[in-house]
All heavy atoms as atom14 arrays in JSON, in Angstrom:
{
  "sequence": "QQLSGSAADKIYSRFKDTLNLKHNFRAENLKSLTQLQIRNCGISNSKA",
  "atom14_mask": [
    [1, 1, 1, 1, 1, 1, 1, 1, 1, 0, 0, 0, 0, 0],
    [1, 1, 1, 1, 1, 1, 1, 1, 1, 0, 0, 0, 0, 0],
    [1, 1, 1, 1, 1, 1, 1, 1, 0, 0, 0, 0, 0, 0],
    [1, 1, 1, 1, 1, 1, 0, 0, 0, 0, 0, 0, 0, 0],
    [1, 1, 1, 1, 0, 0, 0, 0, 0, 0, 0, 0, 0, 0],
    [1, 1, 1, 1, 1, 1, 0, 0, 0, 0, 0, 0, 0, 0],
    [1, 1, 1, 1, 1, 0, 0, 0, 0, 0, 0, 0, 0, 0],
    [1, 1, 1, 1, 1, 0, 0, 0, 0, 0, 0, 0, 0, 0],
    [1, 1, 1, 1, 1, 1, 1, 1, 0, 0, 0, 0, 0, 0],
    [1, 1, 1, 1, 1, 1, 1, 1, 1, 0, 0, 0, 0, 0],
    [1, 1, 1, 1, 1, 1, 1, 1, 0, 0, 0, 0, 0, 0],
    [1, 1, 1, 1, 1, 1, 1, 1, 1, 1, 1, 1, 0, 0],
    [1, 1, 1, 1, 1, 1, 0, 0, 0, 0, 0, 0, 0, 0],
    [1, 1, 1, 1, 1, 1, 1, 1, 1, 1, 1, 0, 0, 0],
    [1, 1, 1, 1, 1, 1, 1, 1, 1, 1, 1, 0, 0, 0],
    [1, 1, 1, 1, 1, 1, 1, 1, 1, 0, 0, 0, 0, 0],
    [1, 1, 1, 1, 1, 1, 1, 1, 0, 0, 0, 0, 0, 0],
    [1, 1, 1, 1, 1, 1, 1, 0, 0, 0, 0, 0, 0, 0],
    [1, 1, 1, 1, 1, 1, 1, 1, 0, 0, 0, 0, 0, 0],
    [1, 1, 1, 1, 1, 1, 1, 1, 0, 0, 0, 0, 0, 0],
    [1, 1, 1, 1, 1, 1, 1, 1, 0, 0, 0, 0, 0, 0],
    [1, 1, 1, 1, 1, 1, 1, 1, 1, 0, 0, 0, 0, 0],
    [1, 1, 1, 1, 1, 1, 1, 1, 1, 1, 0, 0, 0, 0],
    [1, 1, 1, 1, 1, 1, 1, 1, 0, 0, 0, 0, 0, 0],
    [1, 1, 1, 1, 1, 1, 1, 1, 1, 1, 1, 0, 0, 0],
    [1, 1, 1, 1, 1, 1, 1, 1, 1, 1, 1, 0, 0, 0],
    [1, 1, 1, 1, 1, 0, 0, 0, 0, 0, 0, 0, 0, 0],
    [1, 1, 1, 1, 1, 1, 1, 1, 1, 0, 0, 0, 0, 0],
    [1, 1, 1, 1, 1, 1, 1, 1, 0, 0, 0, 0, 0, 0],
    [1, 1, 1, 1, 1, 1, 1, 1, 0, 0, 0, 0, 0, 0],
    [1, 1, 1, 1, 1, 1, 1, 1, 1, 0, 0, 0, 0, 0],
    [1, 1, 1, 1, 1, 1, 0, 0, 0, 0, 0, 0, 0, 0],
    [1, 1, 1, 1, 1, 1, 1, 1, 0, 0, 0, 0, 0, 0],
    [1, 1, 1, 1, 1, 1, 1, 0, 0, 0, 0, 0, 0, 0],
    [1, 1, 1, 1, 1, 1, 1, 1, 1, 0, 0, 0, 0, 0],
    [1, 1, 1, 1, 1, 1, 1, 1, 0, 0, 0, 0, 0, 0],
    [1, 1, 1, 1, 1, 1, 1, 1, 1, 0, 0, 0, 0, 0],
    [1, 1, 1, 1, 1, 1, 1, 1, 0, 0, 0, 0, 0, 0],
    [1, 1, 1, 1, 1, 1, 1, 1, 1, 1, 1, 0, 0, 0],
    [1, 1, 1, 1, 1, 1, 1, 1, 0, 0, 0, 0, 0, 0],
    [1, 1, 1, 1, 1, 1, 0, 0, 0, 0, 0, 0, 0, 0],
    [1, 1, 1, 1, 0, 0, 0, 0, 0, 0, 0, 0, 0, 0],
    [1, 1, 1, 1, 1, 1, 1, 1, 0, 0, 0, 0, 0, 0],
    [1, 1, 1, 1, 1, 1, 0, 0, 0, 0, 0, 0, 0, 0],
    [1, 1, 1, 1, 1, 1, 1, 1, 0, 0, 0, 0, 0, 0],
    [1, 1, 1, 1, 1, 1, 0, 0, 0, 0, 0, 0, 0, 0],
    [1, 1, 1, 1, 1, 1, 1, 1, 1, 0, 0, 0, 0, 0],
    [1, 1, 1, 1, 1, 0, 0, 0, 0, 0, 0, 0, 0, 0]
  ],
  "atom14_positions": [
    [[42.04, 123.25, -48.82], [42.78, 122.06, -48.38], [41.98, 121.28, -47.33], [41.48, 121.84, -46.36], [44.13, 122.46, -47.78], [45.13, 122.99, -48.78], [46.34, 123.62, -48.11], [46.32, 123.96, -46.93], [47.42, 123.79, -48.86], [0.0, 0.0, 0.0], [0.0, 0.0, 0.0], [0.0, 0.0, 0.0], [0.0, 0.0, 0.0], [0.0, 0.0, 0.0]],
    [[41.85, 119.97, -47.55], [41.22, 119.04, -46.6], [39.75, 119.38, -46.31], [39.23, 119.02, -45.25], [42.02, 118.96, -45.3], [43.44, 118.46, -45.52], [44.23, 118.38, -44.23], [44.15, 119.25, -43.38], [45.02, 117.31, -44.08], [0.0, 0.0, 0.0], [0.0, 0.0, 0.0], [0.0, 0.0, 0.0], [0.0, 0.0, 0.0], [0.0, 0.0, 0.0]],
    [[39.09, 120.04, -47.25], [37.67, 120.36, -47.11], [36.89, 119.75, -48.27], [37.45, 119.53, -49.35], [37.45, 121.88, -47.11], [38.05, 122.69, -45.96], [37.82, 124.17, -46.22], [37.45, 122.27, -44.63], [0.0, 0.0, 0.0], [0.0, 0.0, 0.0], [0.0, 0.0, 0.0], [0.0, 0.0, 0.0], [0.0, 0.0, 0.0], [0.0, 0.0, 0.0]],
    [[35.61, 119.53, -48.07], [34.76, 119.1, -49.18], [34.63, 120.26, -50.15], [34.87, 121.43, -49.8], [33.38, 118.7, -48.66], [32.69, 119.84, -48.16], [0.0, 0.0, 0.0], [0.0, 0.0, 0.0], [0.0, 0.0, 0.0], [0.0, 0.0, 0.0], [0.0, 0.0, 0.0], [0.0, 0.0, 0.0], [0.0, 0.0, 0.0], [0.0, 0.0, 0.0]],
    [[34.23, 119.96, -51.37], [34.08, 121.01, -52.36], [33.11, 122.1, -51.96], [33.38, 123.29, -52.12], [0.0, 0.0, 0.0], [0.0, 0.0, 0.0], [0.0, 0.0, 0.0], [0.0, 0.0, 0.0], [0.0, 0.0, 0.0], [0.0, 0.0, 0.0], [0.0, 0.0, 0.0], [0.0, 0.0, 0.0], [0.0, 0.0, 0.0], [0.0, 0.0, 0.0]],
    [[31.99, 121.69, -51.39], [30.97, 122.67, -51.0], [31.44, 123.54, -49.84], [31.22, 124.76, -49.83], [29.67, 121.96, -50.61], [29.89, 121.04, -49.55], [0.0, 0.0, 0.0], [0.0, 0.0, 0.0], [0.0, 0.0, 0.0], [0.0, 0.0, 0.0], [0.0, 0.0, 0.0], [0.0, 0.0, 0.0], [0.0, 0.0, 0.0], [0.0, 0.0, 0.0]],
    [[32.13, 122.94, -48.86], [32.65, 123.71, -47.73], [33.73, 124.67, -48.19], [33.78, 125.83, -47.75], [33.2, 122.76, -46.67], [0.0, 0.0, 0.0], [0.0, 0.0, 0.0], [0.0, 0.0, 0.0], [0.0, 0.0, 0.0], [0.0, 0.0, 0.0], [0.0, 0.0, 0.0], [0.0, 0.0, 0.0], [0.0, 0.0, 0.0], [0.0, 0.0, 0.0]],
    [[34.59, 124.19, -49.09], [35.66, 125.05, -49.61], [35.09, 126.25, -50.36], [35.54, 127.39, -50.17], [36.57, 124.24, -50.53], [0.0, 0.0, 0.0], [0.0, 0.0, 0.0], [0.0, 0.0, 0.0], [0.0, 0.0, 0.0], [0.0, 0.0, 0.0], [0.0, 0.0, 0.0], [0.0, 0.0, 0.0], [0.0, 0.0, 0.0], [0.0, 0.0, 0.0]],
    [[34.09, 126.01, -51.18], [33.46, 127.09, -51.95], [32.82, 128.13, -51.02], [32.92, 129.34, -51.24], [32.4, 126.54, -52.9], [33.0, 125.75, -54.05], [34.21, 125.88, -54.3], [32.25, 124.99, -54.69], [0.0, 0.0, 0.0], [0.0, 0.0, 0.0], [0.0, 0.0, 0.0], [0.0, 0.0, 0.0], [0.0, 0.0, 0.0], [0.0, 0.0, 0.0]],
    [[32.18, 127.64, -49.98], [31.49, 128.53, -49.03], [32.49, 129.43, -48.3], [32.27, 130.64, -48.19], [30.69, 127.7, -48.03], [29.9, 128.52, -47.03], [29.08, 127.61, -46.11], [28.27, 128.43, -45.11], [27.48, 127.55, -44.2], [0.0, 0.0, 0.0], [0.0, 0.0, 0.0], [0.0, 0.0, 0.0], [0.0, 0.0, 0.0], [0.0, 0.0, 0.0]],
    [[33.58, 128.84, -47.83], [34.55, 129.62, -47.07], [35.31, 130.58, -47.99], [35.58, 131.73, -47.61], [35.53, 128.69, -46.32], [34.76, 127.9, -45.24], [36.66, 129.49, -45.67], [35.58, 126.86, -44.54], [0.0, 0.0, 0.0], [0.0, 0.0, 0.0], [0.0, 0.0, 0.0], [0.0, 0.0, 0.0], [0.0, 0.0, 0.0], [0.0, 0.0, 0.0]],
    [[35.62, 130.14, -49.19], [36.32, 131.02, -50.13], [35.44, 132.21, -50.51], [35.92, 133.36, -50.6], [36.73, 130.25, -51.38], [37.53, 131.06, -52.38], [38.73, 131.67, -52.01], [37.08, 131.23, -53.69], [39.46, 132.42, -52.92], [37.8, 131.97, -54.6], [38.99, 132.56, -54.22], [39.71, 133.31, -55.12], [0.0, 0.0, 0.0], [0.0, 0.0, 0.0]],
    [[34.15, 131.97, -50.72], [33.22, 133.06, -51.03], [33.13, 134.03, -49.86], [33.11, 135.26, -50.05], [31.83, 132.49, -51.34], [31.85, 131.76, -52.54], [0.0, 0.0, 0.0], [0.0, 0.0, 0.0], [0.0, 0.0, 0.0], [0.0, 0.0, 0.0], [0.0, 0.0, 0.0], [0.0, 0.0, 0.0], [0.0, 0.0, 0.0], [0.0, 0.0, 0.0]],
    [[33.1, 133.49, -48.63], [33.06, 134.35, -47.44], [34.33, 135.19, -47.34], [34.28, 136.37, -47.01], [32.9, 133.49, -46.19], [32.76, 134.3, -44.89], [32.89, 133.39, -43.68], [31.91, 132.32, -43.73], [32.11, 131.11, -43.2], [33.24, 130.84, -42.57], [31.18, 130.19, -43.29], [0.0, 0.0, 0.0], [0.0, 0.0, 0.0], [0.0, 0.0, 0.0]],
    [[35.47, 134.58, -47.65], [36.75, 135.27, -47.63], [36.73, 136.46, -48.6], [37.08, 137.59, -48.23], [37.86, 134.28, -48.02], [39.22, 134.86, -48.22], [40.01, 135.23, -47.14], [39.74, 135.02, -49.5], [41.28, 135.75, -47.32], [41.01, 135.55, -49.7], [41.78, 135.91, -48.61], [0.0, 0.0, 0.0], [0.0, 0.0, 0.0], [0.0, 0.0, 0.0]],
    [[36.28, 136.24, -49.82], [36.23, 137.32, -50.82], [35.21, 138.39, -50.45], [35.48, 139.58, -50.56], [35.91, 136.75, -52.19], [37.01, 135.92, -52.81], [36.7, 135.57, -54.26], [35.44, 134.72, -54.35], [35.11, 134.4, -55.76], [0.0, 0.0, 0.0], [0.0, 0.0, 0.0], [0.0, 0.0, 0.0], [0.0, 0.0, 0.0], [0.0, 0.0, 0.0]],
    [[34.04, 137.95, -49.99], [32.98, 138.91, -49.66], [33.36, 139.77, -48.46], [33.16, 141.0, -48.47], [31.67, 138.17, -49.38], [31.09, 137.51, -50.62], [31.52, 137.86, -51.73], [30.22, 136.63, -50.47], [0.0, 0.0, 0.0], [0.0, 0.0, 0.0], [0.0, 0.0, 0.0], [0.0, 0.0, 0.0], [0.0, 0.0, 0.0], [0.0, 0.0, 0.0]],
    [[33.91, 139.12, -47.44], [34.28, 139.85, -46.21], [35.35, 140.9, -46.49], [35.31, 142.0, -45.93], [34.79, 138.86, -45.14], [33.76, 137.9, -44.85], [35.18, 139.59, -43.86], [0.0, 0.0, 0.0], [0.0, 0.0, 0.0], [0.0, 0.0, 0.0], [0.0, 0.0, 0.0], [0.0, 0.0, 0.0], [0.0, 0.0, 0.0], [0.0, 0.0, 0.0]],
    [[36.27, 140.56, -47.37], [37.4, 141.46, -47.65], [37.19, 142.29, -48.92], [38.1, 143.0, -49.35], [38.69, 140.64, -47.77], [39.04, 139.8, -46.53], [40.23, 138.91, -46.8], [39.3, 140.71, -45.33], [0.0, 0.0, 0.0], [0.0, 0.0, 0.0], [0.0, 0.0, 0.0], [0.0, 0.0, 0.0], [0.0, 0.0, 0.0], [0.0, 0.0, 0.0]],
    [[35.98, 142.19, -49.49], [35.64, 142.95, -50.71], [36.64, 142.72, -51.84], [37.13, 143.66, -52.47], [35.56, 144.45, -50.39], [34.44, 144.78, -49.42], [33.31, 144.31, -49.58], [34.74, 145.57, -48.4], [0.0, 0.0, 0.0], [0.0, 0.0, 0.0], [0.0, 0.0, 0.0], [0.0, 0.0, 0.0], [0.0, 0.0, 0.0], [0.0, 0.0, 0.0]],
    [[36.91, 141.45, -52.09], [37.87, 141.08, -53.13], [37.17, 140.67, -54.4], [36.12, 140.02, -54.37], [38.75, 139.92, -52.64], [39.64, 140.2, -51.43], [40.26, 138.9, -50.94], [40.72, 141.21, -51.78], [0.0, 0.0, 0.0], [0.0, 0.0, 0.0], [0.0, 0.0, 0.0], [0.0, 0.0, 0.0], [0.0, 0.0, 0.0], [0.0, 0.0, 0.0]],
    [[37.75, 141.04, -55.53], [37.24, 140.59, -56.82], [37.69, 139.15, -57.05], [38.55, 138.62, -56.35], [37.78, 141.48, -57.94], [37.31, 142.93, -57.86], [37.89, 143.74, -59.01], [37.41, 145.18, -58.96], [37.98, 146.01, -60.06], [0.0, 0.0, 0.0], [0.0, 0.0, 0.0], [0.0, 0.0, 0.0], [0.0, 0.0, 0.0], [0.0, 0.0, 0.0]],
    [[37.12, 138.51, -58.06], [37.45, 137.12, -58.37], [38.94, 136.94, -58.63], [39.56, 135.98, -58.16], [36.64, 136.64, -59.58], [37.04, 135.29, -60.07], [36.83, 134.14, -59.33], [37.66, 134.89, -61.21], [37.29, 133.09, -60.0], [37.8, 133.52, -61.13], [0.0, 0.0, 0.0], [0.0, 0.0, 0.0], [0.0, 0.0, 0.0], [0.0, 0.0, 0.0]],
    [[39.53, 137.87, -59.37], [40.94, 137.75, -59.75], [41.81, 138.72, -58.95], [42.63, 139.45, -59.5], [41.11, 138.01, -61.24], [40.57, 139.37, -61.67], [39.74, 139.95, -60.98], [41.05, 139.86, -62.79], [0.0, 0.0, 0.0], [0.0, 0.0, 0.0], [0.0, 0.0, 0.0], [0.0, 0.0, 0.0], [0.0, 0.0, 0.0], [0.0, 0.0, 0.0]],
    [[41.64, 138.69, -57.62], [42.43, 139.59, -56.77], [43.92, 139.23, -56.84], [44.28, 138.1, -57.18], [41.93, 139.55, -55.33], [42.0, 138.21, -54.67], [43.14, 137.79, -54.0], [40.9, 137.35, -54.69], [43.21, 136.55, -53.39], [40.96, 136.11, -54.07], [42.1, 135.71, -53.42], [0.0, 0.0, 0.0], [0.0, 0.0, 0.0], [0.0, 0.0, 0.0]],
    [[44.74, 140.21, -56.5], [46.19, 140.03, -56.56], [46.8, 140.16, -55.17], [46.14, 140.59, -54.22], [46.8, 141.05, -57.5], [46.24, 140.96, -58.92], [47.06, 141.78, -59.88], [46.5, 141.75, -61.22], [47.19, 142.01, -62.32], [48.48, 142.28, -62.23], [46.62, 141.99, -63.5], [0.0, 0.0, 0.0], [0.0, 0.0, 0.0], [0.0, 0.0, 0.0]],
    [[48.06, 139.82, -55.08], [48.76, 139.88, -53.78], [48.69, 141.28, -53.19], [48.51, 141.44, -51.97], [50.21, 139.44, -53.96], [0.0, 0.0, 0.0], [0.0, 0.0, 0.0], [0.0, 0.0, 0.0], [0.0, 0.0, 0.0], [0.0, 0.0, 0.0], [0.0, 0.0, 0.0], [0.0, 0.0, 0.0], [0.0, 0.0, 0.0], [0.0, 0.0, 0.0]],
    [[48.78, 142.3, -54.04], [48.76, 143.69, -53.56], [47.44, 144.04, -52.87], [47.4, 144.91, -52.0], [49.02, 144.65, -54.72], [50.41, 144.59, -55.3], [50.63, 143.42, -56.24], [49.66, 142.66, -56.52], [51.79, 143.22, -56.68], [0.0, 0.0, 0.0], [0.0, 0.0, 0.0], [0.0, 0.0, 0.0], [0.0, 0.0, 0.0], [0.0, 0.0, 0.0]],
    [[46.36, 143.35, -53.28], [45.06, 143.61, -52.67], [44.99, 143.14, -51.22], [44.09, 143.53, -50.48], [43.95, 142.94, -53.48], [43.88, 143.43, -54.91], [43.88, 142.64, -55.85], [43.83, 144.74, -55.09], [0.0, 0.0, 0.0], [0.0, 0.0, 0.0], [0.0, 0.0, 0.0], [0.0, 0.0, 0.0], [0.0, 0.0, 0.0], [0.0, 0.0, 0.0]],
    [[45.94, 142.3, -50.83], [45.97, 141.78, -49.46], [47.1, 142.41, -48.64], [47.44, 141.91, -47.57], [46.15, 140.25, -49.47], [45.19, 139.41, -50.32], [45.42, 137.93, -50.06], [43.75, 139.77, -50.05], [0.0, 0.0, 0.0], [0.0, 0.0, 0.0], [0.0, 0.0, 0.0], [0.0, 0.0, 0.0], [0.0, 0.0, 0.0], [0.0, 0.0, 0.0]],
    [[47.63, 143.5, -49.15], [48.85, 144.07, -48.55], [48.7, 144.39, -47.07], [49.62, 144.19, -46.28], [49.24, 145.33, -49.33], [50.65, 145.81, -49.04], [51.07, 146.9, -50.03], [52.52, 147.31, -49.8], [52.96, 148.33, -50.79], [0.0, 0.0, 0.0], [0.0, 0.0, 0.0], [0.0, 0.0, 0.0], [0.0, 0.0, 0.0], [0.0, 0.0, 0.0]],
    [[47.54, 144.89, -46.66], [47.35, 145.28, -45.26], [46.59, 144.2, -44.46], [46.25, 144.42, -43.3], [46.58, 146.6, -45.18], [45.29, 146.47, -45.78], [0.0, 0.0, 0.0], [0.0, 0.0, 0.0], [0.0, 0.0, 0.0], [0.0, 0.0, 0.0], [0.0, 0.0, 0.0], [0.0, 0.0, 0.0], [0.0, 0.0, 0.0], [0.0, 0.0, 0.0]],
    [[46.37, 143.06, -45.07], [45.59, 141.99, -44.42], [46.37, 141.37, -43.27], [47.58, 141.15, -43.35], [45.26, 140.91, -45.46], [44.23, 139.85, -45.06], [42.87, 140.48, -44.82], [44.13, 138.79, -46.15], [0.0, 0.0, 0.0], [0.0, 0.0, 0.0], [0.0, 0.0, 0.0], [0.0, 0.0, 0.0], [0.0, 0.0, 0.0], [0.0, 0.0, 0.0]],
    [[45.67, 141.07, -42.18], [46.29, 140.44, -41.02], [45.82, 139.0, -40.88], [44.8, 138.59, -41.45], [45.94, 141.19, -39.73], [44.52, 141.04, -39.48], [46.28, 142.67, -39.83], [0.0, 0.0, 0.0], [0.0, 0.0, 0.0], [0.0, 0.0, 0.0], [0.0, 0.0, 0.0], [0.0, 0.0, 0.0], [0.0, 0.0, 0.0], [0.0, 0.0, 0.0]],
    [[46.56, 138.26, -40.09], [46.2, 136.87, -39.84], [44.83, 136.78, -39.16], [44.03, 135.9, -39.46], [47.26, 136.21, -38.97], [47.06, 134.72, -38.76], [48.25, 134.1, -38.04], [49.38, 134.54, -38.18], [47.99, 133.06, -37.25], [0.0, 0.0, 0.0], [0.0, 0.0, 0.0], [0.0, 0.0, 0.0], [0.0, 0.0, 0.0], [0.0, 0.0, 0.0]],
    [[44.56, 137.7, -38.26], [43.27, 137.7, -37.55], [42.11, 137.92, -38.52], [41.07, 137.27, -38.4], [43.26, 138.77, -36.47], [41.95, 138.89, -35.66], [41.64, 137.57, -34.96], [42.07, 140.04, -34.65], [0.0, 0.0, 0.0], [0.0, 0.0, 0.0], [0.0, 0.0, 0.0], [0.0, 0.0, 0.0], [0.0, 0.0, 0.0], [0.0, 0.0, 0.0]],
    [[42.28, 138.8, -39.48], [41.22, 139.05, -40.44], [40.91, 137.79, -41.26], [39.75, 137.5, -41.55], [41.62, 140.19, -41.39], [41.56, 141.57, -40.76], [42.07, 142.63, -41.71], [43.23, 142.62, -42.13], [41.21, 143.57, -42.06], [0.0, 0.0, 0.0], [0.0, 0.0, 0.0], [0.0, 0.0, 0.0], [0.0, 0.0, 0.0], [0.0, 0.0, 0.0]],
    [[41.95, 137.06, -41.6], [41.75, 135.81, -42.34], [41.06, 134.78, -41.44], [40.13, 134.09, -41.86], [43.09, 135.25, -42.86], [43.75, 136.27, -43.8], [42.87, 133.93, -43.59], [45.12, 135.86, -44.29], [0.0, 0.0, 0.0], [0.0, 0.0, 0.0], [0.0, 0.0, 0.0], [0.0, 0.0, 0.0], [0.0, 0.0, 0.0], [0.0, 0.0, 0.0]],
    [[41.51, 134.68, -40.2], [40.91, 133.75, -39.25], [39.42, 134.05, -39.07], [38.61, 133.14, -38.93], [41.62, 133.87, -37.89], [43.01, 133.3, -37.85], [42.97, 131.76, -37.8], [42.41, 131.28, -36.54], [41.31, 130.56, -36.43], [40.59, 130.24, -37.49], [40.9, 130.14, -35.25], [0.0, 0.0, 0.0], [0.0, 0.0, 0.0], [0.0, 0.0, 0.0]],
    [[39.04, 135.31, -39.1], [37.64, 135.69, -38.91], [36.75, 135.28, -40.08], [35.52, 135.36, -39.98], [37.53, 137.2, -38.7], [38.04, 137.63, -37.33], [38.12, 136.82, -36.4], [38.4, 138.91, -37.19], [0.0, 0.0, 0.0], [0.0, 0.0, 0.0], [0.0, 0.0, 0.0], [0.0, 0.0, 0.0], [0.0, 0.0, 0.0], [0.0, 0.0, 0.0]],
    [[37.36, 134.82, -41.15], [36.6, 134.3, -42.3], [36.36, 132.8, -42.16], [35.78, 132.17, -43.06], [37.35, 134.58, -43.6], [37.56, 136.33, -43.98], [0.0, 0.0, 0.0], [0.0, 0.0, 0.0], [0.0, 0.0, 0.0], [0.0, 0.0, 0.0], [0.0, 0.0, 0.0], [0.0, 0.0, 0.0], [0.0, 0.0, 0.0], [0.0, 0.0, 0.0]],
    [[36.8, 132.22, -41.05], [36.63, 130.79, -40.83], [37.77, 129.95, -41.38], [37.6, 128.76, -41.65], [0.0, 0.0, 0.0], [0.0, 0.0, 0.0], [0.0, 0.0, 0.0], [0.0, 0.0, 0.0], [0.0, 0.0, 0.0], [0.0, 0.0, 0.0], [0.0, 0.0, 0.0], [0.0, 0.0, 0.0], [0.0, 0.0, 0.0], [0.0, 0.0, 0.0]],
    [[38.92, 130.56, -41.54], [40.1, 129.9, -42.1], [41.09, 129.63, -40.98], [41.29, 130.46, -40.09], [40.72, 130.79, -43.19], [39.71, 130.97, -44.34], [42.03, 130.21, -43.71], [40.11, 132.03, -45.34], [0.0, 0.0, 0.0], [0.0, 0.0, 0.0], [0.0, 0.0, 0.0], [0.0, 0.0, 0.0], [0.0, 0.0, 0.0], [0.0, 0.0, 0.0]],
    [[41.71, 128.46, -41.0], [42.61, 128.05, -39.92], [43.86, 128.93, -39.86], [44.22, 129.6, -40.84], [43.03, 126.6, -40.11], [43.88, 126.46, -41.23], [0.0, 0.0, 0.0], [0.0, 0.0, 0.0], [0.0, 0.0, 0.0], [0.0, 0.0, 0.0], [0.0, 0.0, 0.0], [0.0, 0.0, 0.0], [0.0, 0.0, 0.0], [0.0, 0.0, 0.0]],
    [[44.52, 128.89, -38.7], [45.76, 129.64, -38.52], [46.82, 129.23, -39.53], [47.52, 130.08, -40.09], [46.31, 129.42, -37.11], [45.77, 130.43, -36.11], [45.63, 131.6, -36.43], [45.47, 129.98, -34.91], [0.0, 0.0, 0.0], [0.0, 0.0, 0.0], [0.0, 0.0, 0.0], [0.0, 0.0, 0.0], [0.0, 0.0, 0.0], [0.0, 0.0, 0.0]],
    [[46.97, 127.92, -39.75], [48.01, 127.44, -40.66], [47.75, 127.92, -42.09], [48.68, 128.34, -42.8], [48.11, 125.92, -40.62], [46.87, 125.32, -41.0], [0.0, 0.0, 0.0], [0.0, 0.0, 0.0], [0.0, 0.0, 0.0], [0.0, 0.0, 0.0], [0.0, 0.0, 0.0], [0.0, 0.0, 0.0], [0.0, 0.0, 0.0], [0.0, 0.0, 0.0]],
    [[46.49, 127.9, -42.5], [46.16, 128.38, -43.85], [46.35, 129.89, -43.94], [46.82, 130.4, -44.97], [44.74, 127.99, -44.23], [44.53, 126.49, -44.42], [43.08, 126.19, -44.79], [42.87, 124.68, -44.9], [41.46, 124.36, -45.25], [0.0, 0.0, 0.0], [0.0, 0.0, 0.0], [0.0, 0.0, 0.0], [0.0, 0.0, 0.0], [0.0, 0.0, 0.0]],
    [[45.99, 130.6, -42.89], [46.18, 132.05, -42.87], [47.66, 132.4, -43.03], [48.02, 133.31, -43.79], [45.62, 132.63, -41.58], [0.0, 0.0, 0.0], [0.0, 0.0, 0.0], [0.0, 0.0, 0.0], [0.0, 0.0, 0.0], [0.0, 0.0, 0.0], [0.0, 0.0, 0.0], [0.0, 0.0, 0.0], [0.0, 0.0, 0.0], [0.0, 0.0, 0.0]]
  ]
}
């Protein structure tokens, strides 16, 4: 949201890589995820 395509792709890739997520991850794969962990991927509080 509100990012250029290249910036969005970069942050989304960082999100998946940091959390060891596959391309087609599911909600259950994020079950223990915290807001801080998402923020540490460069994602805003509101998006987290």
